[in-house]
C-alpha cells in the first residue's frame, strides 16, 4: 500500500496484512501513520526520538516493551506511549510476527518510506 489520501482506513486489518518491517502509509504536516511487522525473535531496536511523540498499537503477536526505565509485556489490543526524548525498544517474544501500527507527531520518516526488513532500515 502506498501512502493514501483516504481519511478512514480499516487500520487493524491493514496492519495484520502487512509483512514489511516499516511502511509509511500516511504523512500529514503534524503526524504520520506507519505499519510495522517484527519477525519472531526480532526487535525494532533501541532509539530516542527527540521532538517526536510516538504511539504504538499492537494488533497481532506478543512482545516486550522497554520504555525509559519500564519494561512491560505487550500483546494485541495494547497501546504503548513513548514521549519525546524517551529511549525505547520493542522485542517480539512470541511465535509469529509482532504486528502494529504507530503514529509519530510530528512525522519521523520521509513520506512513502518502505523497509522490507530491519536491515533495510539501517
PDB file of N, CA and C in Angstrom:
ATOM      1  N   UNK A   1       0.842  -1.180   0.000  1.00  0.00           N
ATOM      2  CA  UNK A   1       0.000   0.000   0.000  1.00  0.00           C
ATOM      3  C   UNK A   1       0.884   1.238   0.000  1.00  0.00           C
ATOM      4  N   UNK A   2       0.714   2.088  -0.962  1.00  0.00           N
ATOM      5  CA  UNK A   2       1.415   3.372  -0.992  1.00  0.00           C
ATOM      6  C   UNK A   2       0.703   4.317  -0.043  1.00  0.00           C
ATOM      7  N   UNK A   3       1.288   5.477   0.165  1.00  0.00           N
ATOM      8  CA  UNK A   3       0.612   6.458   1.020  1.00  0.00           C
ATOM      9  C   UNK A   3      -0.775   6.732   0.460  1.00  0.00           C
ATOM     10  N   UNK A   4      -1.700   6.957   1.353  1.00  0.00           N
ATOM     11  CA  UNK A   4      -3.088   7.122   0.972  1.00  0.00           C
ATOM     12  C   UNK A   4      -3.564   8.546   1.221  1.00  0.00           C
ATOM     13  N   UNK A   5      -4.600   8.931   0.497  1.00  0.00           N
ATOM     14  CA  UNK A   5      -5.240  10.212   0.772  1.00  0.00           C
ATOM     15  C   UNK A   5      -6.609   9.986   1.406  1.00  0.00           C
ATOM     16  N   UNK A   6      -6.919   8.714   1.730  1.00  0.00           N
ATOM     17  CA  UNK A   6      -8.191   8.403   2.388  1.00  0.00           C
ATOM     18  C   UNK A   6      -8.174   8.961   3.803  1.00  0.00           C
ATOM     19  N   UNK A   7      -9.360   9.221   4.334  1.00  0.00           N
ATOM     20  CA  UNK A   7      -9.467   9.738   5.691  1.00  0.00           C
ATOM     21  C   UNK A   7     -10.006   8.702   6.672  1.00  0.00           C
ATOM     22  N   UNK A   8     -10.404   7.545   6.190  1.00  0.00           N
ATOM     23  CA  UNK A   8     -10.835   6.441   7.048  1.00  0.00           C
ATOM     24  C   UNK A   8     -10.267   5.154   6.483  1.00  0.00           C
ATOM     25  N   UNK A   9      -9.627   4.369   7.353  1.00  0.00           N
ATOM     26  CA  UNK A   9      -8.969   3.125   6.928  1.00  0.00           C
ATOM     27  C   UNK A   9      -9.293   1.987   7.887  1.00  0.00           C
ATOM     28  N   UNK A  10      -9.380   0.754   7.388  1.00  0.00           N
ATOM     29  CA  UNK A  10      -9.501  -0.416   8.277  1.00  0.00           C
ATOM     30  C   UNK A  10      -8.106  -0.766   8.818  1.00  0.00           C
ATOM     31  N   UNK A  11      -7.578   0.085   9.698  1.00  0.00           N
ATOM     32  CA  UNK A  11      -6.170   0.054  10.070  1.00  0.00           C
ATOM     33  C   UNK A  11      -5.736  -1.257  10.726  1.00  0.00           C
ATOM     34  N   UNK A  12      -6.577  -1.877  11.521  1.00  0.00           N
ATOM     35  CA  UNK A  12      -6.176  -3.138  12.164  1.00  0.00           C
ATOM     36  C   UNK A  12      -5.950  -4.205  11.103  1.00  0.00           C
ATOM     37  N   UNK A  13      -6.846  -4.314  10.139  1.00  0.00           N
ATOM     38  CA  UNK A  13      -6.673  -5.313   9.081  1.00  0.00           C
ATOM     39  C   UNK A  13      -5.481  -4.990   8.194  1.00  0.00           C
ATOM     40  N   UNK A  14      -5.291  -3.719   7.873  1.00  0.00           N
ATOM     41  CA  UNK A  14      -4.141  -3.315   7.063  1.00  0.00           C
ATOM     42  C   UNK A  14      -2.848  -3.675   7.790  1.00  0.00           C
ATOM     43  N   UNK A  15      -2.795  -3.425   9.108  1.00  0.00           N
ATOM     44  CA  UNK A  15      -1.605  -3.754   9.888  1.00  0.00           C
ATOM     45  C   UNK A  15      -1.387  -5.265   9.949  1.00  0.00           C
ATOM     46  N   UNK A  16      -2.457  -6.030  10.102  1.00  0.00           N
ATOM     47  CA  UNK A  16      -2.331  -7.502  10.132  1.00  0.00           C
ATOM     48  C   UNK A  16      -1.842  -8.041   8.795  1.00  0.00           C
ATOM     49  N   UNK A  17      -2.230  -7.416   7.708  1.00  0.00           N
ATOM     50  CA  UNK A  17      -1.840  -7.882   6.367  1.00  0.00           C
ATOM     51  C   UNK A  17      -0.414  -7.482   5.998  1.00  0.00           C
ATOM     52  N   UNK A  18       0.159  -6.538   6.725  1.00  0.00           N
ATOM     53  CA  UNK A  18       1.498  -6.033   6.410  1.00  0.00           C
ATOM     54  C   UNK A  18       2.581  -7.011   6.860  1.00  0.00           C
ATOM     55  N   UNK A  19       3.557  -7.258   5.995  1.00  0.00           N
ATOM     56  CA  UNK A  19       4.710  -8.100   6.341  1.00  0.00           C
ATOM     57  C   UNK A  19       6.030  -7.337   6.252  1.00  0.00           C
ATOM     58  N   UNK A  20       5.979  -6.043   5.982  1.00  0.00           N
ATOM     59  CA  UNK A  20       7.208  -5.242   5.893  1.00  0.00           C
ATOM     60  C   UNK A  20       7.566  -4.706   7.268  1.00  0.00           C
ATOM     61  N   UNK A  21       8.865  -4.615   7.532  1.00  0.00           N
ATOM     62  CA  UNK A  21       9.338  -4.094   8.813  1.00  0.00           C
ATOM     63  C   UNK A  21       8.778  -2.698   9.073  1.00  0.00           C
ATOM     64  N   UNK A  22       8.838  -1.821   8.087  1.00  0.00           N
ATOM     65  CA  UNK A  22       8.324  -0.458   8.233  1.00  0.00           C
ATOM     66  C   UNK A  22       7.692  -0.012   6.925  1.00  0.00           C
ATOM     67  N   UNK A  23       6.500   0.546   7.013  1.00  0.00           N
ATOM     68  CA  UNK A  23       5.828   1.068   5.821  1.00  0.00           C
ATOM     69  C   UNK A  23       5.005   2.297   6.211  1.00  0.00           C
ATOM     70  N   UNK A  24       5.427   3.449   5.733  1.00  0.00           N
ATOM     71  CA  UNK A  24       4.692   4.696   5.982  1.00  0.00           C
ATOM     72  C   UNK A  24       3.469   4.701   5.070  1.00  0.00           C
ATOM     73  N   UNK A  25       2.278   4.845   5.685  1.00  0.00           N
ATOM     74  CA  UNK A  25       1.063   4.828   4.852  1.00  0.00           C
ATOM     75  C   UNK A  25       0.353   6.178   4.785  1.00  0.00           C
ATOM     76  N   UNK A  26       0.704   7.093   5.675  1.00  0.00           N
ATOM     77  CA  UNK A  26       0.112   8.427   5.602  1.00  0.00           C
ATOM     78  C   UNK A  26       1.008   9.407   6.328  1.00  0.00           C
ATOM     79  N   UNK A  27       1.218  10.562   5.716  1.00  0.00           N
ATOM     80  CA  UNK A  27       2.006  11.620   6.323  1.00  0.00           C
ATOM     81  C   UNK A  27       1.271  12.945   6.176  1.00  0.00           C
ATOM     82  N   UNK A  28       1.064  13.592   7.299  1.00  0.00           N
ATOM     83  CA  UNK A  28       0.479  14.928   7.311  1.00  0.00           C
ATOM     84  C   UNK A  28       1.516  15.927   7.773  1.00  0.00           C
ATOM     85  N   UNK A  29       1.088  17.152   7.945  1.00  0.00           N
ATOM     86  CA  UNK A  29       2.000  18.199   8.391  1.00  0.00           C
ATOM     87  C   UNK A  29       2.474  17.962   9.829  1.00  0.00           C
ATOM     88  N   UNK A  30       1.590  17.421  10.686  1.00  0.00           N
ATOM     89  CA  UNK A  30       1.907  17.307  12.106  1.00  0.00           C
ATOM     90  C   UNK A  30       1.925  15.874  12.634  1.00  0.00           C
ATOM     91  N   UNK A  31       1.587  14.878  11.824  1.00  0.00           N
ATOM     92  CA  UNK A  31       1.612  13.492  12.291  1.00  0.00           C
ATOM     93  C   UNK A  31       1.794  12.534  11.120  1.00  0.00           C
ATOM     94  N   UNK A  32       2.025  11.268  11.463  1.00  0.00           N
ATOM     95  CA  UNK A  32       2.324  10.255  10.455  1.00  0.00           C
ATOM     96  C   UNK A  32       1.843   8.897  10.966  1.00  0.00           C
ATOM     97  N   UNK A  33       1.355   8.034  10.050  1.00  0.00           N
ATOM     98  CA  UNK A  33       0.929   6.676  10.389  1.00  0.00           C
ATOM     99  C   UNK A  33       1.850   5.689   9.675  1.00  0.00           C
ATOM    100  N   UNK A  34       2.378   4.723  10.449  1.00  0.00           N
ATOM    101  CA  UNK A  34       3.359   3.769   9.941  1.00  0.00           C
ATOM    102  C   UNK A  34       2.959   2.365  10.383  1.00  0.00           C
ATOM    103  N   UNK A  35       3.052   1.396   9.464  1.00  0.00           N
ATOM    104  CA  UNK A  35       2.850  -0.013   9.789  1.00  0.00           C
ATOM    105  C   UNK A  35       4.200  -0.632  10.118  1.00  0.00           C
ATOM    106  N   UNK A  36       4.201  -1.609  11.037  1.00  0.00           N
ATOM    107  CA  UNK A  36       5.436  -2.328  11.346  1.00  0.00           C
ATOM    108  C   UNK A  36       5.131  -3.806  11.556  1.00  0.00           C
ATOM    109  N   UNK A  37       6.073  -4.664  11.147  1.00  0.00           N
ATOM    110  CA  UNK A  37       5.995  -6.108  11.368  1.00  0.00           C
ATOM    111  C   UNK A  37       7.379  -6.565  11.814  1.00  0.00           C
ATOM    112  N   UNK A  38       7.451  -7.119  13.022  1.00  0.00           N
ATOM    113  CA  UNK A  38       8.725  -7.537  13.610  1.00  0.00           C
ATOM    114  C   UNK A  38       8.746  -9.064  13.648  1.00  0.00           C
ATOM    115  N   UNK A  39       9.736  -9.691  13.009  1.00  0.00           N
ATOM    116  CA  UNK A  39       9.772 -11.152  12.959  1.00  0.00           C
ATOM    117  C   UNK A  39      10.042 -11.778  14.331  1.00  0.00           C
ATOM    118  N   UNK A  40       9.718 -13.059  14.450  1.00  0.00           N
ATOM    119  CA  UNK A  40       9.989 -13.831  15.664  1.00  0.00           C
ATOM    120  C   UNK A  40      11.413 -13.604  16.132  1.00  0.00           C
ATOM    121  N   UNK A  41      11.583 -13.261  17.403  1.00  0.00           N
ATOM    122  CA  UNK A  41      12.912 -13.037  17.958  1.00  0.00           C
ATOM    123  C   UNK A  41      13.533 -11.702  17.592  1.00  0.00           C
ATOM    124  N   UNK A  42      12.877 -10.936  16.738  1.00  0.00           N
ATOM    125  CA  UNK A  42      13.413  -9.649  16.291  1.00  0.00           C
ATOM    126  C   UNK A  42      13.019  -8.511  17.212  1.00  0.00           C
ATOM    127  N   UNK A  43      13.531  -7.341  16.891  1.00  0.00           N
ATOM    128  CA  UNK A  43      13.221  -6.148  17.662  1.00  0.00           C
ATOM    129  C   UNK A  43      13.227  -4.931  16.754  1.00  0.00           C
ATOM    130  N   UNK A  44      12.584  -3.883  17.221  1.00  0.00           N
ATOM    131  CA  UNK A  44      12.601  -2.625  16.475  1.00  0.00           C
ATOM    132  C   UNK A  44      13.978  -1.990  16.595  1.00  0.00           C
ATOM    133  N   UNK A  45      14.591  -2.097  17.764  1.00  0.00           N
ATOM    134  CA  UNK A  45      15.914  -1.513  18.000  1.00  0.00           C
ATOM    135  C   UNK A  45      15.799  -0.290  18.881  1.00  0.00           C
ATOM    136  N   UNK A  46      16.672  -0.207  19.872  1.00  0.00           N
ATOM    137  CA  UNK A  46      16.629   0.910  20.808  1.00  0.00           C
ATOM    138  C   UNK A  46      16.864   2.238  20.118  1.00  0.00           C
ATOM    139  N   UNK A  47      16.046   3.232  20.482  1.00  0.00           N
ATOM    140  CA  UNK A  47      16.148   4.541  19.846  1.00  0.00           C
ATOM    141  C   UNK A  47      15.493   5.608  20.703  1.00  0.00           C
ATOM    142  N   UNK A  48      15.785   6.845  20.378  1.00  0.00           N
ATOM    143  CA  UNK A  48      15.177   8.011  21.012  1.00  0.00           C
ATOM    144  C   UNK A  48      14.727   8.937  19.897  1.00  0.00           C
ATOM    145  N   UNK A  49      13.506   9.436  19.984  1.00  0.00           N
ATOM    146  CA  UNK A  49      13.010  10.429  19.023  1.00  0.00           C
ATOM    147  C   UNK A  49      12.912  11.764  19.758  1.00  0.00           C
ATOM    148  N   UNK A  50      13.843  12.655  19.490  1.00  0.00           N
ATOM    149  CA  UNK A  50      13.797  13.995  20.087  1.00  0.00           C
ATOM    150  C   UNK A  50      12.774  14.834  19.331  1.00  0.00           C
ATOM    151  N   UNK A  51      11.830  15.389  20.054  1.00  0.00           N
ATOM    152  CA  UNK A  51      10.831  16.255  19.431  1.00  0.00           C
ATOM    153  C   UNK A  51       9.679  15.503  18.779  1.00  0.00           C
ATOM    154  N   UNK A  52       9.597  14.149  18.980  1.00  0.00           N
ATOM    155  CA  UNK A  52       8.532  13.346  18.387  1.00  0.00           C
ATOM    156  C   UNK A  52       7.902  12.460  19.451  1.00  0.00           C
ATOM    157  N   UNK A  53       6.604  12.601  19.678  1.00  0.00           N
ATOM    158  CA  UNK A  53       5.867  11.638  20.484  1.00  0.00           C
ATOM    159  C   UNK A  53       5.490  10.475  19.577  1.00  0.00           C
ATOM    160  N   UNK A  54       5.435   9.263  20.151  1.00  0.00           N
ATOM    161  CA  UNK A  54       5.083   8.076  19.373  1.00  0.00           C
ATOM    162  C   UNK A  54       4.063   7.252  20.151  1.00  0.00           C
ATOM    163  N   UNK A  55       3.040   6.785  19.448  1.00  0.00           N
ATOM    164  CA  UNK A  55       2.043   5.858  19.994  1.00  0.00           C
ATOM    165  C   UNK A  55       2.099   4.598  19.154  1.00  0.00           C
ATOM    166  N   UNK A  56       2.107   3.416  19.804  1.00  0.00           N
ATOM    167  CA  UNK A  56       2.175   2.136  19.100  1.00  0.00           C
ATOM    168  C   UNK A  56       0.992   1.270  19.519  1.00  0.00           C
ATOM    169  N   UNK A  57       0.172   0.846  18.547  1.00  0.00           N
ATOM    170  CA  UNK A  57      -0.971  -0.024  18.772  1.00  0.00           C
ATOM    171  C   UNK A  57      -0.635  -1.415  18.238  1.00  0.00           C
ATOM    172  N   UNK A  58      -0.711  -2.428  19.095  1.00  0.00           N
ATOM    173  CA  UNK A  58      -0.365  -3.796  18.720  1.00  0.00           C
ATOM    174  C   UNK A  58      -1.609  -4.545  18.273  1.00  0.00           C
ATOM    175  N   UNK A  59      -1.505  -5.224  17.115  1.00  0.00           N
ATOM    176  CA  UNK A  59      -2.673  -5.909  16.555  1.00  0.00           C
ATOM    177  C   UNK A  59      -2.499  -7.423  16.479  1.00  0.00           C
ATOM    178  N   UNK A  60      -1.280  -7.941  16.506  1.00  0.00           N
ATOM    179  CA  UNK A  60      -1.004  -9.386  16.482  1.00  0.00           C
ATOM    180  C   UNK A  60       0.321  -9.654  17.177  1.00  0.00           C
ATOM    181  N   UNK A  61       0.399 -10.789  17.861  1.00  0.00           N
ATOM    182  CA  UNK A  61       1.652 -11.236  18.447  1.00  0.00           C
ATOM    183  C   UNK A  61       1.827 -10.805  19.893  1.00  0.00           C
ATOM    184  N   UNK A  62       3.021 -11.112  20.405  1.00  0.00           N
ATOM    185  CA  UNK A  62       3.380 -10.777  21.783  1.00  0.00           C
ATOM    186  C   UNK A  62       4.789 -10.209  21.804  1.00  0.00           C
ATOM    187  N   UNK A  63       5.016  -9.289  22.727  1.00  0.00           N
ATOM    188  CA  UNK A  63       6.337  -8.685  22.776  1.00  0.00           C
ATOM    189  C   UNK A  63       6.668  -8.125  24.139  1.00  0.00           C
ATOM    190  N   UNK A  64       7.848  -7.529  24.205  1.00  0.00           N
ATOM    191  CA  UNK A  64       8.314  -6.832  25.397  1.00  0.00           C
ATOM    192  C   UNK A  64       8.595  -5.393  25.016  1.00  0.00           C
ATOM    193  N   UNK A  65       8.027  -4.479  25.775  1.00  0.00           N
ATOM    194  CA  UNK A  65       8.225  -3.050  25.557  1.00  0.00           C
ATOM    195  C   UNK A  65       9.145  -2.519  26.633  1.00  0.00           C
ATOM    196  N   UNK A  66      10.213  -1.865  26.233  1.00  0.00           N
ATOM    197  CA  UNK A  66      11.109  -1.176  27.168  1.00  0.00           C
ATOM    198  C   UNK A  66      10.995   0.303  26.820  1.00  0.00           C
ATOM    199  N   UNK A  67      10.434   1.069  27.739  1.00  0.00           N
ATOM    200  CA  UNK A  67      10.215   2.499  27.528  1.00  0.00           C
ATOM    201  C   UNK A  67      10.802   3.217  28.742  1.00  0.00           C
ATOM    202  N   UNK A  68      11.910   3.910  28.531  1.00  0.00           N
ATOM    203  CA  UNK A  68      12.608   4.511  29.657  1.00  0.00           C
ATOM    204  C   UNK A  68      13.080   3.409  30.585  1.00  0.00           C
ATOM    205  N   UNK A  69      12.755   3.513  31.870  1.00  0.00           N
ATOM    206  CA  UNK A  69      13.157   2.513  32.863  1.00  0.00           C
ATOM    207  C   UNK A  69      12.130   1.398  33.038  1.00  0.00           C
ATOM    208  N   UNK A  70      11.033   1.457  32.306  1.00  0.00           N
ATOM    209  CA  UNK A  70       9.954   0.473  32.478  1.00  0.00           C
ATOM    210  C   UNK A  70      10.032  -0.611  31.417  1.00  0.00           C
ATOM    211  N   UNK A  71       9.727  -1.838  31.827  1.00  0.00           N
ATOM    212  CA  UNK A  71       9.624  -2.947  30.881  1.00  0.00           C
ATOM    213  C   UNK A  71       8.307  -3.657  31.136  1.00  0.00           C
ATOM    214  N   UNK A  72       7.524  -3.824  30.067  1.00  0.00           N
ATOM    215  CA  UNK A  72       6.207  -4.429  30.176  1.00  0.00           C
ATOM    216  C   UNK A  72       5.960  -5.331  28.982  1.00  0.00           C
ATOM    217  N   UNK A  73       5.097  -6.322  29.174  1.00  0.00           N
ATOM    218  CA  UNK A  73       4.668  -7.176  28.069  1.00  0.00           C
ATOM    219  C   UNK A  73       3.640  -6.430  27.241  1.00  0.00           C
ATOM    220  N   UNK A  74       3.629  -6.705  25.936  1.00  0.00           N
ATOM    221  CA  UNK A  74       2.604  -6.148  25.052  1.00  0.00           C
ATOM    222  C   UNK A  74       1.991  -7.276  24.234  1.00  0.00           C
ATOM    223  N   UNK A  75       0.731  -7.070  23.852  1.00  0.00           N
ATOM    224  CA  UNK A  75       0.009  -8.058  23.044  1.00  0.00           C
ATOM    225  C   UNK A  75      -1.058  -7.322  22.240  1.00  0.00           C
ATOM    226  N   UNK A  76      -1.717  -8.059  21.358  1.00  0.00           N
ATOM    227  CA  UNK A  76      -2.791  -7.473  20.550  1.00  0.00           C
ATOM    228  C   UNK A  76      -3.786  -6.749  21.452  1.00  0.00           C
ATOM    229  N   UNK A  77      -4.125  -5.541  21.062  1.00  0.00           N
ATOM    230  CA  UNK A  77      -5.063  -4.724  21.814  1.00  0.00           C
ATOM    231  C   UNK A  77      -4.397  -3.708  22.721  1.00  0.00           C
ATOM    232  N   UNK A  78      -3.069  -3.827  22.909  1.00  0.00           N
ATOM    233  CA  UNK A  78      -2.352  -2.896  23.786  1.00  0.00           C
ATOM    234  C   UNK A  78      -1.875  -1.667  23.016  1.00  0.00           C
ATOM    235  N   UNK A  79      -1.696  -0.585  23.757  1.00  0.00           N
ATOM    236  CA  UNK A  79      -1.150   0.671  23.251  1.00  0.00           C
ATOM    237  C   UNK A  79       0.049   1.035  24.108  1.00  0.00           C
ATOM    238  N   UNK A  80       1.168   1.359  23.478  1.00  0.00           N
ATOM    239  CA  UNK A  80       2.341   1.864  24.189  1.00  0.00           C
ATOM    240  C   UNK A  80       2.538   3.330  23.825  1.00  0.00           C
ATOM    241  N   UNK A  81       2.902   4.114  24.826  1.00  0.00           N
ATOM    242  CA  UNK A  81       3.091   5.551  24.669  1.00  0.00           C
ATOM    243  C   UNK A  81       4.557   5.878  24.902  1.00  0.00           C
ATOM    244  N   UNK A  82       5.181   6.529  23.924  1.00  0.00           N
ATOM    245  CA  UNK A  82       6.593   6.908  24.035  1.00  0.00           C
ATOM    246  C   UNK A  82       6.692   8.428  23.905  1.00  0.00           C
ATOM    247  N   UNK A  83       6.852   9.123  25.036  1.00  0.00           N
ATOM    248  CA  UNK A  83       7.006  10.579  24.969  1.00  0.00           C
ATOM    249  C   UNK A  83       8.322  10.971  24.287  1.00  0.00           C
ATOM    250  N   UNK A  84       8.331  12.119  23.708  1.00  0.00           N
ATOM    251  CA  UNK A  84       9.531  12.665  23.070  1.00  0.00           C
ATOM    252  C   UNK A  84      10.721  12.591  24.020  1.00  0.00           C
ATOM    253  N   UNK A  85      11.873  12.185  23.471  1.00  0.00           N
ATOM    254  CA  UNK A  85      13.103  12.147  24.241  1.00  0.00           C
ATOM    255  C   UNK A  85      13.286  10.923  25.114  1.00  0.00           C
ATOM    256  N   UNK A  86      12.381   9.937  25.025  1.00  0.00           N
ATOM    257  CA  UNK A  86      12.444   8.740  25.866  1.00  0.00           C
ATOM    258  C   UNK A  86      13.034   7.572  25.080  1.00  0.00           C
ATOM    259  N   UNK A  87      14.081   6.940  25.622  1.00  0.00           N
ATOM    260  CA  UNK A  87      14.662   5.750  24.995  1.00  0.00           C
ATOM    261  C   UNK A  87      13.621   4.634  25.020  1.00  0.00           C
ATOM    262  N   UNK A  88      13.556   3.864  23.919  1.00  0.00           N
ATOM    263  CA  UNK A  88      12.583   2.771  23.850  1.00  0.00           C
ATOM    264  C   UNK A  88      13.041   1.688  22.882  1.00  0.00           C
ATOM    265  N   UNK A  89      12.514   0.496  23.099  1.00  0.00           N
ATOM    266  CA  UNK A  89      12.734  -0.640  22.205  1.00  0.00           C
ATOM    267  C   UNK A  89      11.578  -1.605  22.392  1.00  0.00           C
ATOM    268  N   UNK A  90      11.250  -2.327  21.330  1.00  0.00           N
ATOM    269  CA  UNK A  90      10.182  -3.324  21.362  1.00  0.00           C
ATOM    270  C   UNK A  90      10.714  -4.600  20.747  1.00  0.00           C
ATOM    271  N   UNK A  91      10.549  -5.716  21.467  1.00  0.00           N
ATOM    272  CA  UNK A  91      11.036  -7.015  21.004  1.00  0.00           C
ATOM    273  C   UNK A  91       9.872  -7.966  20.817  1.00  0.00           C
ATOM    274  N   UNK A  92       9.967  -8.805  19.785  1.00  0.00           N
ATOM    275  CA  UNK A  92       8.984  -9.850  19.551  1.00  0.00           C
ATOM    276  C   UNK A  92       9.383 -11.041  20.406  1.00  0.00           C
ATOM    277  N   UNK A  93       8.550 -11.402  21.383  1.00  0.00           N
ATOM    278  CA  UNK A  93       8.830 -12.525  22.275  1.00  0.00           C
ATOM    279  C   UNK A  93       7.912 -13.716  22.008  1.00  0.00           C
ATOM    280  N   UNK A  94       7.035 -13.591  21.033  1.00  0.00           N
ATOM    281  CA  UNK A  94       6.073 -14.650  20.754  1.00  0.00           C
ATOM    282  C   UNK A  94       6.453 -15.453  19.526  1.00  0.00           C
ATOM    283  N   UNK A  95       5.515 -16.287  19.104  1.00  0.00           N
ATOM    284  CA  UNK A  95       5.699 -17.031  17.856  1.00  0.00           C
ATOM    285  C   UNK A  95       4.922 -16.296  16.771  1.00  0.00           C
ATOM    286  N   UNK A  96       5.479 -16.223  15.590  1.00  0.00           N
ATOM    287  CA  UNK A  96       4.875 -15.438  14.521  1.00  0.00           C
ATOM    288  C   UNK A  96       5.299 -13.984  14.623  1.00  0.00           C
ATOM    289  N   UNK A  97       4.795 -13.190  13.703  1.00  0.00           N
ATOM    290  CA  UNK A  97       5.161 -11.773  13.632  1.00  0.00           C
ATOM    291  C   UNK A  97       4.460 -10.954  14.723  1.00  0.00           C
ATOM    292  N   UNK A  98       5.160  -9.935  15.199  1.00  0.00           N
ATOM    293  CA  UNK A  98       4.570  -8.909  16.052  1.00  0.00           C
ATOM    294  C   UNK A  98       4.164  -7.789  15.105  1.00  0.00           C
ATOM    295  N   UNK A  99       2.859  -7.524  15.028  1.00  0.00           N
ATOM    296  CA  UNK A  99       2.363  -6.540  14.064  1.00  0.00           C
ATOM    297  C   UNK A  99       1.712  -5.379  14.798  1.00  0.00           C
ATOM    298  N   UNK A 100       1.954  -4.188  14.264  1.00  0.00           N
ATOM    299  CA  UNK A 100       1.448  -2.989  14.906  1.00  0.00           C
ATOM    300  C   UNK A 100       1.337  -1.857  13.900  1.00  0.00           C
ATOM    301  N   UNK A 101       0.640  -0.824  14.333  1.00  0.00           N
ATOM    302  CA  UNK A 101       0.713   0.450  13.623  1.00  0.00           C
ATOM    303  C   UNK A 101       1.094   1.499  14.647  1.00  0.00           C
ATOM    304  N   UNK A 102       1.762   2.516  14.173  1.00  0.00           N
ATOM    305  CA  UNK A 102       2.291   3.541  15.063  1.00  0.00           C
ATOM    306  C   UNK A 102       2.073   4.920  14.450  1.00  0.00           C
ATOM    307  N   UNK A 103       1.973   5.903  15.328  1.00  0.00           N
ATOM    308  CA  UNK A 103       1.906   7.291  14.871  1.00  0.00           C
ATOM    309  C   UNK A 103       3.075   8.063  15.460  1.00  0.00           C
ATOM    310  N   UNK A 104       3.569   8.984  14.682  1.00  0.00           N
ATOM    311  CA  UNK A 104       4.596   9.919  15.110  1.00  0.00           C
ATOM    312  C   UNK A 104       4.024  11.322  14.985  1.00  0.00           C
ATOM    313  N   UNK A 105       4.284  12.141  16.004  1.00  0.00           N
ATOM    314  CA  UNK A 105       3.862  13.535  15.951  1.00  0.00           C
ATOM    315  C   UNK A 105       5.028  14.393  16.407  1.00  0.00           C
ATOM    316  N   UNK A 106       5.616  15.187  15.527  1.00  0.00           N
ATOM    317  CA  UNK A 106       5.399  15.294  14.083  1.00  0.00           C
ATOM    318  C   UNK A 106       5.988  14.085  13.349  1.00  0.00           C
ATOM    319  N   UNK A 107       5.843  14.021  12.016  1.00  0.00           N
ATOM    320  CA  UNK A 107       6.369  12.903  11.245  1.00  0.00           C
ATOM    321  C   UNK A 107       7.850  12.648  11.506  1.00  0.00           C
ATOM    322  N   UNK A 108       8.212  11.369  11.513  1.00  0.00           N
ATOM    323  CA  UNK A 108       9.599  10.939  11.760  1.00  0.00           C
ATOM    324  C   UNK A 108      10.301  10.509  10.480  1.00  0.00           C
ATOM    325  N   UNK A 109       9.575   9.881   9.560  1.00  0.00           N
ATOM    326  CA  UNK A 109      10.168   9.299   8.358  1.00  0.00           C
ATOM    327  C   UNK A 109       9.742  10.067   7.108  1.00  0.00           C
ATOM    328  N   UNK A 110      10.542   9.955   6.069  1.00  0.00           N
ATOM    329  CA  UNK A 110      10.170  10.558   4.790  1.00  0.00           C
ATOM    330  C   UNK A 110       8.871   9.937   4.291  1.00  0.00           C
ATOM    331  N   UNK A 111       7.964  10.723   3.733  1.00  0.00           N
ATOM    332  CA  UNK A 111       6.743  10.165   3.177  1.00  0.00           C
ATOM    333  C   UNK A 111       7.059   9.033   2.193  1.00  0.00           C
ATOM    334  N   UNK A 112       6.271   7.954   2.264  1.00  0.00           N
ATOM    335  CA  UNK A 112       6.433   6.833   1.347  1.00  0.00           C
ATOM    336  C   UNK A 112       7.539   5.857   1.724  1.00  0.00           C
ATOM    337  N   UNK A 113       8.225   6.059   2.855  1.00  0.00           N
ATOM    338  CA  UNK A 113       9.296   5.165   3.271  1.00  0.00           C
ATOM    339  C   UNK A 113       8.797   3.736   3.399  1.00  0.00           C
ATOM    340  N   UNK A 114       9.552   2.789   2.843  1.00  0.00           N
ATOM    341  CA  UNK A 114       9.266   1.367   2.985  1.00  0.00           C
ATOM    342  C   UNK A 114      10.572   0.620   3.218  1.00  0.00           C
ATOM    343  N   UNK A 115      10.586  -0.225   4.248  1.00  0.00           N
ATOM    344  CA  UNK A 115      11.728  -1.091   4.543  1.00  0.00           C
ATOM    345  C   UNK A 115      11.196  -2.505   4.726  1.00  0.00           C
ATOM    346  N   UNK A 116      11.560  -3.408   3.842  1.00  0.00           N
ATOM    347  CA  UNK A 116      11.077  -4.789   3.904  1.00  0.00           C
ATOM    348  C   UNK A 116      11.588  -5.477   5.176  1.00  0.00           C
ATOM    349  N   UNK A 117      12.821  -5.156   5.590  1.00  0.00           N
ATOM    350  CA  UNK A 117      13.411  -5.775   6.769  1.00  0.00           C
ATOM    351  C   UNK A 117      14.086  -4.704   7.628  1.00  0.00           C
ATOM    352  N   UNK A 118      14.443  -5.082   8.858  1.00  0.00           N
ATOM    353  CA  UNK A 118      15.157  -4.150   9.729  1.00  0.00           C
ATOM    354  C   UNK A 118      16.503  -3.770   9.103  1.00  0.00           C
ATOM    355  N   UNK A 119      17.167  -4.729   8.463  1.00  0.00           N
ATOM    356  CA  UNK A 119      18.454  -4.451   7.815  1.00  0.00           C
ATOM    357  C   UNK A 119      18.300  -3.375   6.755  1.00  0.00           C
ATOM    358  N   UNK A 120      17.183  -3.373   6.029  1.00  0.00           N
ATOM    359  CA  UNK A 120      16.913  -2.348   5.024  1.00  0.00           C
ATOM    360  C   UNK A 120      16.751  -0.964   5.655  1.00  0.00           C
ATOM    361  N   UNK A 121      16.309  -0.938   6.925  1.00  0.00           N
ATOM    362  CA  UNK A 121      16.061   0.322   7.616  1.00  0.00           C
ATOM    363  C   UNK A 121      17.335   0.943   8.161  1.00  0.00           C
ATOM    364  N   UNK A 122      18.414   0.160   8.232  1.00  0.00           N
ATOM    365  CA  UNK A 122      19.670   0.662   8.823  1.00  0.00           C
ATOM    366  C   UNK A 122      20.438   1.541   7.860  1.00  0.00           C
TER     367      UNK A 122
END
